[in-house]
């Protein structure tokens, strides 16, 4: 292994793991007849970590959060659907709770997908009222499980082979942070934006509502150290990184769609290249990691159709549209919070409490 070890390192192994995991997730999703194969590919990519135990834990938390959020949406929607105000209030509360848990809880990844799944199922049902509510929940769970199984299998196999020679350092376990007023304020902004999206959906039949909700939660998911008075800068940076990554990924996807013309092997080659390039960006400079993530997910949503012969650029464009929808409802909330100085007052109170505690 001496000469080869000079050419391969843990980051290259990570890229290989992600590519194989995504391809296996696509195969498993087709085998299970999952309705949205690209979402299974998302899980196959996002769950992967360098250490098998981390991958297994992350996958379990993703499945648990998806299941709980989906079941809550299944129970709540028949109650909240007739009243717009109740729908907005419940969406705000669940999104706020999910994001706050994601920011502060030990198992924050489960909290994140609890909020995401609830919002996705509700807005999917609002956008497609004739379709079965339980079908949306089953689809989210099946796709997440398919991608997670593929990811865990690849991670375990890599642990027994490649990772014996190129091991990855294990990330320290997350710790519960307790009550954080500034984190709650940050999560509350997400909740208010989600309520605004619910109101918007009743007046304007906007497409990609569910993905717009995902955008709102995803761009607000920043480190606790970045919330508070500096939260506006962090979130806006994340919005633009999401737009840049999704735009670049959609362009690459469009190129391979044009070249492939429904030919599956050519589109799969585009997936391999897109995942490899995106993961390399994630493994690079910290400032560009989120761009790499969004680049990869845009490639997957474009080049992983349920039917290769019917593949179009529309899913990639819908992802870009969802970013604009998310920005349209989130930006006024962020600006109002800043204008009212809520985060600044909370930050001052937190510093005062810390000083008293020190005494």
Protein backbone atom coordinates (compact mmCIF):
# COMPACT_ATOMS: atom_id res chain seq x y z
CA UNK A 1 0.00 0.00 0.00
CA UNK A 2 3.05 2.28 0.29
CA UNK A 3 3.06 3.98 -3.10
CA UNK A 4 -0.74 4.01 -3.37
CA UNK A 5 -1.12 5.63 0.04
CA UNK A 6 0.61 8.73 -1.33
CA UNK A 7 -2.22 9.19 -3.80
CA UNK A 8 -5.24 8.32 -1.68
CA UNK A 9 -6.28 9.86 1.61
CA UNK A 10 -9.34 9.81 3.84
CA UNK A 11 -11.04 12.54 1.78
CA UNK A 12 -10.77 10.53 -1.43
CA UNK A 13 -12.19 7.51 0.37
CA UNK A 14 -15.06 9.69 1.58
CA UNK A 15 -15.85 10.70 -2.00
CA UNK A 16 -15.82 7.06 -3.13
CA UNK A 17 -18.12 6.10 -0.25
CA UNK A 18 -20.60 8.83 -1.18
CA UNK A 19 -20.65 7.90 -4.87
CA UNK A 20 -21.20 4.20 -4.14
CA UNK A 21 -23.79 4.99 -1.47
CA UNK A 22 -25.83 7.20 -3.80
CA UNK A 23 -25.75 4.60 -6.58
CA UNK A 24 -26.81 1.86 -4.18
CA UNK A 25 -29.56 4.09 -2.73
CA UNK A 26 -30.93 4.62 -6.25
CA UNK A 27 -30.95 0.86 -6.82
CA UNK A 28 -32.64 0.12 -3.48
CA UNK A 29 -35.25 2.82 -4.08
CA UNK A 30 -36.16 1.31 -7.46
CA UNK A 31 -36.27 -2.15 -5.88
CA UNK A 32 -38.69 -0.90 -3.20
CA UNK A 33 -40.73 1.09 -5.77
CA UNK A 34 -40.13 4.34 -3.90
CA UNK A 35 -42.17 7.16 -5.49
CA UNK A 36 -39.34 9.75 -5.35
CA UNK A 37 -36.01 8.08 -6.06
CA UNK A 38 -34.06 11.32 -5.81
CA UNK A 39 -35.03 11.74 -2.15
CA UNK A 40 -33.56 8.28 -1.41
CA UNK A 41 -30.39 9.42 -3.18
CA UNK A 42 -30.38 12.52 -0.93
CA UNK A 43 -30.36 10.29 2.16
CA UNK A 44 -27.68 8.07 0.65
CA UNK A 45 -25.51 11.15 0.33
CA UNK A 46 -26.34 13.17 3.43
CA UNK A 47 -26.14 10.35 5.98
CA UNK A 48 -22.61 9.29 5.05
CA UNK A 49 -19.88 9.99 7.58
CA UNK A 50 -16.30 8.76 7.78
CA UNK A 51 -16.90 6.54 10.81
CA UNK A 52 -19.46 3.71 10.53
CA UNK A 53 -20.92 4.35 14.00
CA UNK A 54 -21.51 7.99 13.10
CA UNK A 55 -23.19 6.97 9.85
CA UNK A 56 -25.40 4.47 11.69
CA UNK A 57 -26.40 7.03 14.34
CA UNK A 58 -27.06 9.76 11.78
CA UNK A 59 -29.17 7.39 9.71
CA UNK A 60 -31.19 6.27 12.72
CA UNK A 61 -31.85 9.88 13.76
CA UNK A 62 -32.91 10.79 10.22
CA UNK A 63 -35.37 7.88 10.11
CA UNK A 64 -36.76 8.60 13.60
CA UNK A 65 -37.23 12.31 12.87
CA UNK A 66 -38.89 11.53 9.53
CA UNK A 67 -41.23 8.98 11.09
CA UNK A 68 -42.30 11.15 14.03
CA UNK A 69 -42.76 14.26 11.88
CA UNK A 70 -44.74 12.30 9.30
CA UNK A 71 -47.01 10.68 11.88
CA UNK A 72 -47.69 14.04 13.54
CA UNK A 73 -48.61 15.54 10.15
CA UNK A 74 -50.87 12.56 9.48
CA UNK A 75 -52.69 13.14 12.77
CA UNK A 76 -52.75 16.95 12.66
CA UNK A 77 -53.64 17.78 9.06
CA UNK A 78 -57.32 16.72 9.15
CA UNK A 79 -57.75 19.01 12.19
CA UNK A 80 -55.84 22.05 10.92
CA UNK A 81 -56.76 21.92 7.23
CA UNK A 82 -60.19 23.63 7.46
CA UNK A 83 -58.82 26.68 9.31
CA UNK A 84 -56.01 28.68 7.70
CA UNK A 85 -55.11 30.43 10.96
CA UNK A 86 -54.80 27.09 12.77
CA UNK A 87 -52.71 25.65 9.96
CA UNK A 88 -50.37 28.64 10.16
CA UNK A 89 -50.11 28.46 13.96
CA UNK A 90 -49.37 24.73 14.04
CA UNK A 91 -46.82 24.98 11.23
CA UNK A 92 -45.12 27.82 13.08
CA UNK A 93 -45.06 25.91 16.38
CA UNK A 94 -43.76 22.63 14.94
CA UNK A 95 -41.13 24.35 12.78
CA UNK A 96 -39.97 26.45 15.72
CA UNK A 97 -39.75 23.39 17.99
CA UNK A 98 -37.95 21.36 15.34
CA UNK A 99 -35.34 24.01 14.61
CA UNK A 100 -34.80 24.85 18.27
CA UNK A 101 -34.25 21.16 19.00
CA UNK A 102 -31.90 20.90 16.02
CA UNK A 103 -29.84 23.81 17.36
CA UNK A 104 -29.68 22.82 21.03
CA UNK A 105 -30.59 19.15 21.60
CA UNK A 106 -28.11 16.29 21.77
CA UNK A 107 -29.91 14.47 18.97
CA UNK A 108 -30.52 17.59 16.93
CA UNK A 109 -30.49 15.78 13.57
CA UNK A 110 -33.70 13.95 14.51
CA UNK A 111 -35.31 17.24 15.56
CA UNK A 112 -34.32 18.79 12.24
CA UNK A 113 -36.06 16.08 10.24
CA UNK A 114 -39.04 16.09 12.55
CA UNK A 115 -39.69 19.72 11.58
CA UNK A 116 -38.74 19.25 7.93
CA UNK A 117 -40.96 16.20 7.41
CA UNK A 118 -43.98 17.75 9.11
CA UNK A 119 -43.73 20.85 6.92
CA UNK A 120 -43.09 18.85 3.73
CA UNK A 121 -46.07 16.56 4.26
CA UNK A 122 -48.43 19.44 5.10
CA UNK A 123 -47.38 21.55 2.12
CA UNK A 124 -47.36 18.55 -0.23
CA UNK A 125 -50.96 17.90 0.76
CA UNK A 126 -51.89 21.59 0.37
CA UNK A 127 -50.33 21.66 -3.09
CA UNK A 128 -51.88 18.32 -4.14
CA UNK A 129 -55.21 18.08 -2.26
CA UNK A 130 -56.50 15.15 -4.33
CA UNK A 131 -53.62 12.86 -3.31
CA UNK A 132 -53.61 10.66 -0.23
CA UNK A 133 -52.10 12.15 2.92
CA UNK A 134 -50.84 8.79 4.10
CA UNK A 135 -49.13 8.29 0.73
CA UNK A 136 -47.00 11.39 1.37
CA UNK A 137 -45.96 10.06 4.79
CA UNK A 138 -45.22 6.58 3.47
CA UNK A 139 -43.18 8.04 0.62
CA UNK A 140 -41.00 10.18 2.89
CA UNK A 141 -40.37 7.24 5.24
CA UNK A 142 -39.69 4.72 2.47
CA UNK A 143 -37.30 7.01 0.60
CA UNK A 144 -35.40 7.97 3.75
CA UNK A 145 -35.12 4.35 4.84
CA UNK A 146 -33.94 3.17 1.42
CA UNK A 147 -31.19 5.79 1.25
CA UNK A 148 -30.14 5.23 4.84
CA UNK A 149 -29.88 1.45 4.45
CA UNK A 150 -27.69 1.88 1.38
CA UNK A 151 -25.49 4.39 3.18
CA UNK A 152 -25.01 2.22 6.28
CA UNK A 153 -24.17 -0.85 4.18
CA UNK A 154 -21.52 1.05 2.22
CA UNK A 155 -20.09 2.59 5.39
CA UNK A 156 -19.81 -0.82 7.10
CA UNK A 157 -18.16 -2.40 4.06
CA UNK A 158 -15.74 0.50 3.82
CA UNK A 159 -14.88 0.11 7.51
CA UNK A 160 -13.84 -3.48 6.83
CA UNK A 161 -11.80 -2.57 3.75
CA UNK A 162 -10.72 0.95 2.78
CA UNK A 163 -11.02 2.55 6.22
CA UNK A 164 -8.54 0.05 7.63
CA UNK A 165 -5.87 1.89 5.66
CA UNK A 166 -7.37 5.40 5.53
CA UNK A 167 -9.34 5.83 8.76
CA UNK A 168 -11.40 8.92 9.48
CA UNK A 169 -11.36 10.78 12.77
CA UNK A 170 -14.61 10.42 14.69
CA UNK A 171 -16.51 13.66 15.30
CA UNK A 172 -17.09 14.39 19.01
CA UNK A 173 -20.63 13.61 20.13
CA UNK A 174 -22.99 16.59 20.28
CA UNK A 175 -24.00 17.83 23.72
CA UNK A 176 -27.32 19.28 24.84
CA UNK A 177 -26.97 23.04 25.32
CA UNK A 178 -29.92 23.69 27.61
CA UNK A 179 -32.09 26.77 27.33
CA UNK A 180 -30.78 29.40 24.90
CA UNK A 181 -32.96 32.48 24.47
CA UNK A 182 -31.15 33.60 21.33
CA UNK A 183 -31.59 30.13 19.78
CA UNK A 184 -35.31 30.23 20.56
CA UNK A 185 -35.58 33.68 18.98
CA UNK A 186 -33.82 32.35 15.89
CA UNK A 187 -36.19 29.36 15.72
CA UNK A 188 -39.18 31.66 16.24
CA UNK A 189 -38.21 33.58 13.10
CA UNK A 190 -38.36 30.29 11.21
CA UNK A 191 -41.80 29.61 12.69
CA UNK A 192 -43.15 33.03 11.67
CA UNK A 193 -41.80 32.54 8.13
CA UNK A 194 -43.46 29.13 7.94
CA UNK A 195 -46.77 30.68 8.99
CA UNK A 196 -46.28 33.26 6.25
CA UNK A 197 -45.73 30.48 3.72
CA UNK A 198 -49.01 28.88 4.82
CA UNK A 199 -50.85 32.17 4.30
CA UNK A 200 -49.17 32.65 0.91
CA UNK A 201 -50.30 29.17 -0.16
CA UNK A 202 -53.96 30.11 0.43
CA UNK A 203 -53.80 33.14 -1.88
CA UNK A 204 -51.33 32.01 -4.50
CA UNK A 205 -50.99 28.52 -5.95
CA UNK A 206 -47.19 28.59 -5.86
CA UNK A 207 -45.42 25.44 -6.99
CA UNK A 208 -42.65 23.87 -4.91
CA UNK A 209 -44.30 24.86 -1.62
CA UNK A 210 -42.81 21.88 0.22
CA UNK A 211 -39.32 22.66 -1.05
CA UNK A 212 -39.84 26.31 -0.15
CA UNK A 213 -40.54 25.18 3.42
CA UNK A 214 -37.39 23.04 3.35
CA UNK A 215 -35.40 26.08 2.20
CA UNK A 216 -36.65 28.17 5.12
CA UNK A 217 -35.69 25.57 7.72
CA UNK A 218 -32.43 24.58 6.04
CA UNK A 219 -30.99 28.08 5.71
CA UNK A 220 -31.93 28.85 9.32
CA UNK A 221 -30.04 25.77 10.51
CA UNK A 222 -26.77 27.47 11.46
CA UNK A 223 -24.47 26.89 14.46
CA UNK A 224 -25.73 28.32 17.75
CA UNK A 225 -22.66 30.56 17.83
CA UNK A 226 -23.93 32.21 14.63
CA UNK A 227 -27.43 33.11 15.86
CA UNK A 228 -28.50 36.22 17.72
CA UNK A 229 -27.29 39.63 16.59
CA UNK A 230 -25.18 38.07 13.80
CA UNK A 231 -27.87 35.62 12.70
CA UNK A 232 -29.03 37.77 9.78
CA UNK A 233 -25.58 37.72 8.17
CA UNK A 234 -25.21 33.96 8.65
CA UNK A 235 -28.61 33.15 7.21
CA UNK A 236 -28.26 35.45 4.21
CA UNK A 237 -24.86 33.94 3.43
CA UNK A 238 -26.43 30.50 3.60
CA UNK A 239 -29.27 31.56 1.29
CA UNK A 240 -26.88 32.76 -1.38
CA UNK A 241 -24.69 29.68 -1.02
CA UNK A 242 -27.80 27.55 -1.48
CA UNK A 243 -28.70 29.51 -4.60
CA UNK A 244 -25.20 29.31 -6.07
CA UNK A 245 -24.83 25.60 -5.38
CA UNK A 246 -28.30 24.74 -6.66
CA UNK A 247 -27.79 26.87 -9.76
CA UNK A 248 -24.45 25.30 -10.63
CA UNK A 249 -25.81 21.80 -9.97
CA UNK A 250 -28.84 22.45 -12.17
CA UNK A 251 -26.55 23.62 -14.99
CA UNK A 252 -24.47 20.44 -14.79
CA UNK A 253 -27.66 18.40 -14.66
CA UNK A 254 -29.04 20.23 -17.70
CA UNK A 255 -25.84 19.49 -19.63
CA UNK A 256 -26.06 15.76 -18.96
CA UNK A 257 -29.79 15.73 -19.71
CA UNK A 258 -29.04 17.29 -23.11
CA UNK A 259 -26.22 14.85 -23.82
CA UNK A 260 -27.96 11.75 -22.46
CA UNK A 261 -31.39 12.26 -24.11
CA UNK A 262 -32.94 9.68 -21.77
CA UNK A 263 -29.95 7.30 -21.92
CA UNK A 264 -29.59 6.05 -18.34
CA UNK A 265 -25.81 5.25 -18.33
CA UNK A 266 -24.94 8.80 -19.38
CA UNK A 267 -27.16 10.26 -16.67
CA UNK A 268 -25.65 7.94 -14.06
CA UNK A 269 -22.20 9.14 -15.17
CA UNK A 270 -23.42 12.68 -14.50
CA UNK A 271 -24.52 11.60 -11.03
CA UNK A 272 -21.09 10.11 -10.31
CA UNK A 273 -19.31 13.28 -11.46
CA UNK A 274 -21.73 15.57 -9.62
CA UNK A 275 -21.48 13.67 -6.32
CA UNK A 276 -17.68 13.50 -6.55
CA UNK A 277 -17.30 17.22 -7.31
CA UNK A 278 -19.82 18.26 -4.67
CA UNK A 279 -18.25 16.14 -1.96
CA UNK A 280 -14.79 17.43 -2.87
CA UNK A 281 -16.13 20.96 -2.35
CA UNK A 282 -17.58 19.92 1.02
CA UNK A 283 -14.22 18.50 2.04
CA UNK A 284 -12.46 21.71 1.04
CA UNK A 285 -12.59 25.24 2.43
CA UNK A 286 -15.16 25.71 5.18
CA UNK A 287 -16.69 28.74 3.48
CA UNK A 288 -17.66 26.67 0.41
CA UNK A 289 -19.00 23.52 2.06
CA UNK A 290 -22.68 24.43 1.88
CA UNK A 291 -22.28 25.34 -1.79
CA UNK A 292 -20.92 21.83 -2.37
CA UNK A 293 -23.87 20.24 -0.56
CA UNK A 294 -26.42 22.18 -2.60
CA UNK A 295 -24.53 21.51 -5.82
CA UNK A 296 -24.75 17.77 -5.20
CA UNK A 297 -28.42 17.79 -4.22
CA UNK A 298 -29.33 19.81 -7.33
CA UNK A 299 -27.49 17.28 -9.51
CA UNK A 300 -29.36 14.45 -7.81
CA UNK A 301 -32.81 16.01 -8.14
CA UNK A 302 -32.12 16.63 -11.84
CA UNK A 303 -30.38 13.41 -12.86
CA UNK A 304 -32.17 10.87 -10.63
CA UNK A 305 -35.69 10.71 -12.09
CA UNK A 306 -38.19 8.00 -11.32
CA UNK A 307 -38.19 7.18 -15.04
CA UNK A 308 -35.02 7.93 -17.03
CA UNK A 309 -36.90 8.11 -20.33
CA UNK A 310 -39.05 10.94 -18.92
CA UNK A 311 -36.25 12.95 -17.28
CA UNK A 312 -36.56 16.75 -17.53
CA UNK A 313 -34.88 19.84 -16.12
CA UNK A 314 -38.09 20.80 -14.27
CA UNK A 315 -37.08 19.33 -10.86
CA UNK A 316 -33.84 21.33 -10.93
CA UNK A 317 -35.70 24.52 -11.83
CA UNK A 318 -38.28 23.81 -9.12
CA UNK A 319 -35.47 23.60 -6.58
CA UNK A 320 -34.25 27.04 -7.68
CA UNK A 321 -37.81 28.37 -7.50
CA UNK A 322 -38.14 27.00 -3.96
CA UNK A 323 -35.16 29.10 -2.91
CA UNK A 324 -36.85 32.27 -4.18
CA UNK A 325 -40.08 31.29 -2.42
CA UNK A 326 -38.15 30.69 0.80
CA UNK A 327 -36.37 34.02 0.46
CA UNK A 328 -39.65 35.84 -0.24
CA UNK A 329 -41.21 34.71 3.04
CA UNK A 330 -38.07 34.67 5.19
CA UNK A 331 -36.39 37.97 4.32
CA UNK A 332 -39.20 40.22 5.65
CA UNK A 333 -39.19 38.28 8.93
CA UNK A 334 -35.42 38.61 9.30
CA UNK A 335 -35.61 42.33 8.51
CA UNK A 336 -38.44 42.89 11.03
CA UNK A 337 -36.54 41.05 13.76
CA UNK A 338 -33.50 43.20 13.05
CA UNK A 339 -35.57 46.41 12.97
CA UNK A 340 -37.20 45.60 16.31
CA UNK A 341 -33.83 44.71 17.81
CA UNK A 342 -35.16 41.53 19.40
CA UNK A 343 -31.95 39.51 19.06
CA UNK A 344 -29.82 42.38 20.36
CA UNK A 345 -31.96 42.69 23.50
CA UNK A 346 -31.82 38.94 24.06
CA UNK A 347 -28.06 38.98 23.60
CA UNK A 348 -27.70 41.75 26.18
CA UNK A 349 -29.87 39.79 28.62
CA UNK A 350 -27.82 36.65 28.07
CA UNK A 351 -24.56 38.48 28.73
CA UNK A 352 -26.02 40.00 31.87
CA UNK A 353 -27.11 36.59 33.11
CA UNK A 354 -23.66 35.16 32.41
CA UNK A 355 -22.01 37.95 34.41
CA UNK A 356 -24.37 37.44 37.36
CA UNK A 357 -23.73 33.70 37.22
CA UNK A 358 -19.99 34.37 37.37
CA UNK A 359 -20.44 36.38 40.55
